[in-house]
Amino acid sequence: MTQDIAPALTRPIERLNPEDVLKAIPFAGFLGMRLDLAGDELTARLPYAPHLIGNPMIPALHGGVISAFMEMTAMAQLFLSETFHHVPKPIDVSIQYLRSGRPVDTFARAIVNRAGRTVANVEVQAWQEQRSQPIAKLQTHFLISVD
């Protein structure tokens, strides 16, 4: 993460632009990831692009693309939910791939289950055409304090 972007991510929630989170992560730009904020509800969108395909025979989105998309969604939601003095670092990530990611737009929403003094617990669900049929789920912990 570049030093000039990190301060933008630690300013108070009222002044945080969701796009600042994505600017701090170059891979988000490569994926074409977008964030839509309606009130306090954040929805991440991964527009389909041919370079996101991992298996051209099916075709299916690459599992690493889905994983990275969900991890960045978790981080964006964490930044919108809390104010930090340091950039949170993922401690562990657990992913369940439930369905094949087809070559269409993918969406995700995250829930911050708990943000304590040192660790935050976040879960993410990704879907394509129907939210009730997720293609993958992610559970992660972030180190939010380095004291």
Protein backbone atom coordinates (compact mmCIF):
# COMPACT_ATOMS: atom_id res chain seq x y z
CA MET A 1 0.00 0.00 0.00
CA THR A 2 1.36 3.40 -0.85
CA GLN A 3 1.94 5.85 1.97
CA ASP A 4 0.03 8.70 0.31
CA ILE A 5 -3.23 6.72 0.13
CA ALA A 6 -3.15 5.18 3.63
CA PRO A 7 -4.07 8.47 5.40
CA ALA A 8 -7.19 8.76 3.24
CA LEU A 9 -8.32 5.38 4.54
CA THR A 10 -8.09 6.40 8.20
CA ARG A 11 -10.17 9.57 8.10
CA PRO A 12 -13.61 9.57 9.78
CA ILE A 13 -16.41 7.58 8.13
CA GLU A 14 -18.45 10.68 7.23
CA ARG A 15 -15.71 11.80 4.85
CA LEU A 16 -14.59 8.40 3.50
CA ASN A 17 -15.16 7.81 -0.18
CA PRO A 18 -15.53 4.05 -0.84
CA GLU A 19 -13.41 4.43 -3.95
CA ASP A 20 -10.43 5.44 -1.75
CA VAL A 21 -10.33 1.87 -0.48
CA LEU A 22 -10.07 0.52 -4.03
CA LYS A 23 -7.44 3.07 -5.06
CA ALA A 24 -5.25 1.74 -2.27
CA ILE A 25 -5.37 -1.77 -3.78
CA PRO A 26 -3.92 -1.91 -7.33
CA PHE A 27 -5.31 -5.42 -7.92
CA ALA A 28 -8.84 -4.01 -7.48
CA GLY A 29 -8.19 -1.80 -10.50
CA PHE A 30 -6.93 -4.77 -12.50
CA LEU A 31 -10.13 -6.67 -11.67
CA GLY A 32 -12.31 -3.64 -12.46
CA MET A 33 -13.97 -3.87 -9.05
CA ARG A 34 -16.57 -1.22 -8.15
CA LEU A 35 -18.29 -0.26 -4.89
CA ASP A 36 -21.84 1.01 -4.59
CA LEU A 37 -22.82 2.66 -1.32
CA ALA A 38 -26.49 3.18 -0.43
CA GLY A 39 -26.72 4.62 3.06
CA ASP A 40 -24.57 2.33 5.16
CA GLU A 41 -25.00 -0.68 2.84
CA LEU A 42 -22.02 -1.47 0.63
CA THR A 43 -22.35 -3.71 -2.42
CA ALA A 44 -19.22 -4.64 -4.34
CA ARG A 45 -19.45 -5.39 -8.05
CA LEU A 46 -17.02 -7.33 -10.20
CA PRO A 47 -17.93 -6.66 -13.84
CA TYR A 48 -17.27 -9.65 -16.07
CA ALA A 49 -14.15 -9.42 -18.24
CA PRO A 50 -12.51 -12.20 -20.29
CA HIS A 51 -9.22 -11.93 -18.36
CA LEU A 52 -11.03 -13.09 -15.17
CA ILE A 53 -11.69 -16.57 -16.59
CA GLY A 54 -9.70 -19.37 -15.00
CA ASN A 55 -11.13 -22.32 -16.92
CA PRO A 56 -11.98 -21.41 -20.53
CA MET A 57 -13.51 -24.84 -21.19
CA ILE A 58 -16.49 -24.26 -18.86
CA PRO A 59 -15.95 -21.08 -18.82
CA ALA A 60 -15.64 -20.20 -15.14
CA LEU A 61 -14.17 -17.33 -13.16
CA HIS A 62 -10.79 -18.05 -11.60
CA GLY A 63 -11.09 -19.05 -7.94
CA GLY A 64 -8.33 -16.61 -7.00
CA VAL A 65 -10.28 -13.77 -8.62
CA ILE A 66 -13.38 -14.65 -6.60
CA SER A 67 -11.30 -14.94 -3.43
CA ALA A 68 -9.51 -11.62 -3.94
CA PHE A 69 -12.79 -9.90 -4.80
CA MET A 70 -14.37 -11.10 -1.55
CA GLU A 71 -11.31 -10.21 0.55
CA MET A 72 -11.28 -6.66 -0.85
CA THR A 73 -15.03 -6.42 -0.20
CA ALA A 74 -14.38 -7.39 3.43
CA MET A 75 -11.67 -4.75 3.75
CA ALA A 76 -13.84 -2.04 2.17
CA GLN A 77 -16.72 -2.83 4.55
CA LEU A 78 -14.35 -2.80 7.49
CA PHE A 79 -13.08 0.67 6.51
CA LEU A 80 -16.65 1.93 6.18
CA SER A 81 -17.63 0.49 9.57
CA GLU A 82 -14.65 1.54 11.66
CA THR A 83 -11.91 4.19 11.83
CA PHE A 84 -8.32 2.95 12.00
CA HIS A 85 -4.88 4.36 12.70
CA HIS A 86 -3.21 1.49 10.80
CA VAL A 87 -4.26 -0.43 7.71
CA PRO A 88 -5.88 -3.74 8.84
CA LYS A 89 -3.97 -6.89 7.88
CA PRO A 90 -5.70 -10.19 7.08
CA ILE A 91 -4.78 -12.87 9.63
CA ASP A 92 -6.68 -15.81 8.19
CA VAL A 93 -9.14 -16.38 5.38
CA SER A 94 -11.50 -19.31 4.89
CA ILE A 95 -13.38 -19.65 1.60
CA GLN A 96 -16.21 -21.92 0.59
CA TYR A 97 -16.71 -22.24 -3.16
CA LEU A 98 -20.36 -23.22 -3.56
CA ARG A 99 -21.05 -22.85 -7.29
CA SER A 100 -19.09 -22.20 -10.44
CA GLY A 101 -18.61 -18.49 -11.18
CA ARG A 102 -20.13 -18.01 -14.61
CA PRO A 103 -18.94 -15.30 -17.06
CA VAL A 104 -21.35 -12.65 -15.77
CA ASP A 105 -21.11 -9.78 -13.26
CA THR A 106 -20.53 -10.88 -9.67
CA PHE A 107 -21.69 -9.05 -6.53
CA ALA A 108 -20.72 -9.27 -2.86
CA ARG A 109 -21.72 -7.92 0.51
CA ALA A 110 -19.80 -8.09 3.75
CA ILE A 111 -20.86 -8.06 7.39
CA VAL A 112 -18.51 -6.99 10.17
CA ASN A 113 -19.49 -9.43 12.90
CA ARG A 114 -17.20 -7.91 15.49
CA ALA A 115 -14.42 -5.35 15.59
CA GLY A 116 -12.59 -5.56 18.89
CA ARG A 117 -9.44 -3.78 20.02
CA THR A 118 -7.06 -6.00 18.07
CA VAL A 119 -9.05 -8.27 15.75
CA ALA A 120 -12.07 -7.86 13.47
CA ASN A 121 -14.24 -10.72 12.19
CA VAL A 122 -15.82 -10.23 8.77
CA GLU A 123 -17.87 -12.50 6.52
CA VAL A 124 -18.66 -12.03 2.84
CA GLN A 125 -21.14 -13.61 0.48
CA ALA A 126 -20.72 -13.42 -3.32
CA TRP A 127 -23.46 -14.10 -5.85
CA GLN A 128 -24.25 -13.53 -9.48
CA GLU A 129 -27.84 -13.38 -10.68
CA GLN A 130 -29.63 -14.33 -7.45
CA ARG A 131 -28.42 -13.32 -4.01
CA SER A 132 -30.16 -16.38 -2.58
CA GLN A 133 -27.76 -18.59 -4.57
CA PRO A 134 -24.24 -17.57 -3.50
CA ILE A 135 -21.28 -18.77 -5.53
CA ALA A 136 -18.85 -18.40 -2.61
CA LYS A 137 -18.59 -17.37 1.04
CA LEU A 138 -15.60 -15.98 2.91
CA GLN A 139 -14.85 -15.76 6.62
CA THR A 140 -11.83 -13.71 7.67
CA HIS A 141 -10.09 -12.07 10.61
CA PHE A 142 -8.14 -8.82 10.33
CA LEU A 143 -5.48 -7.56 12.71
CA ILE A 144 -6.68 -4.01 13.36
CA SER A 145 -4.21 -2.90 16.01
CA VAL A 146 -0.45 -3.21 16.04
CA ASP A 147 0.09 -1.93 19.61
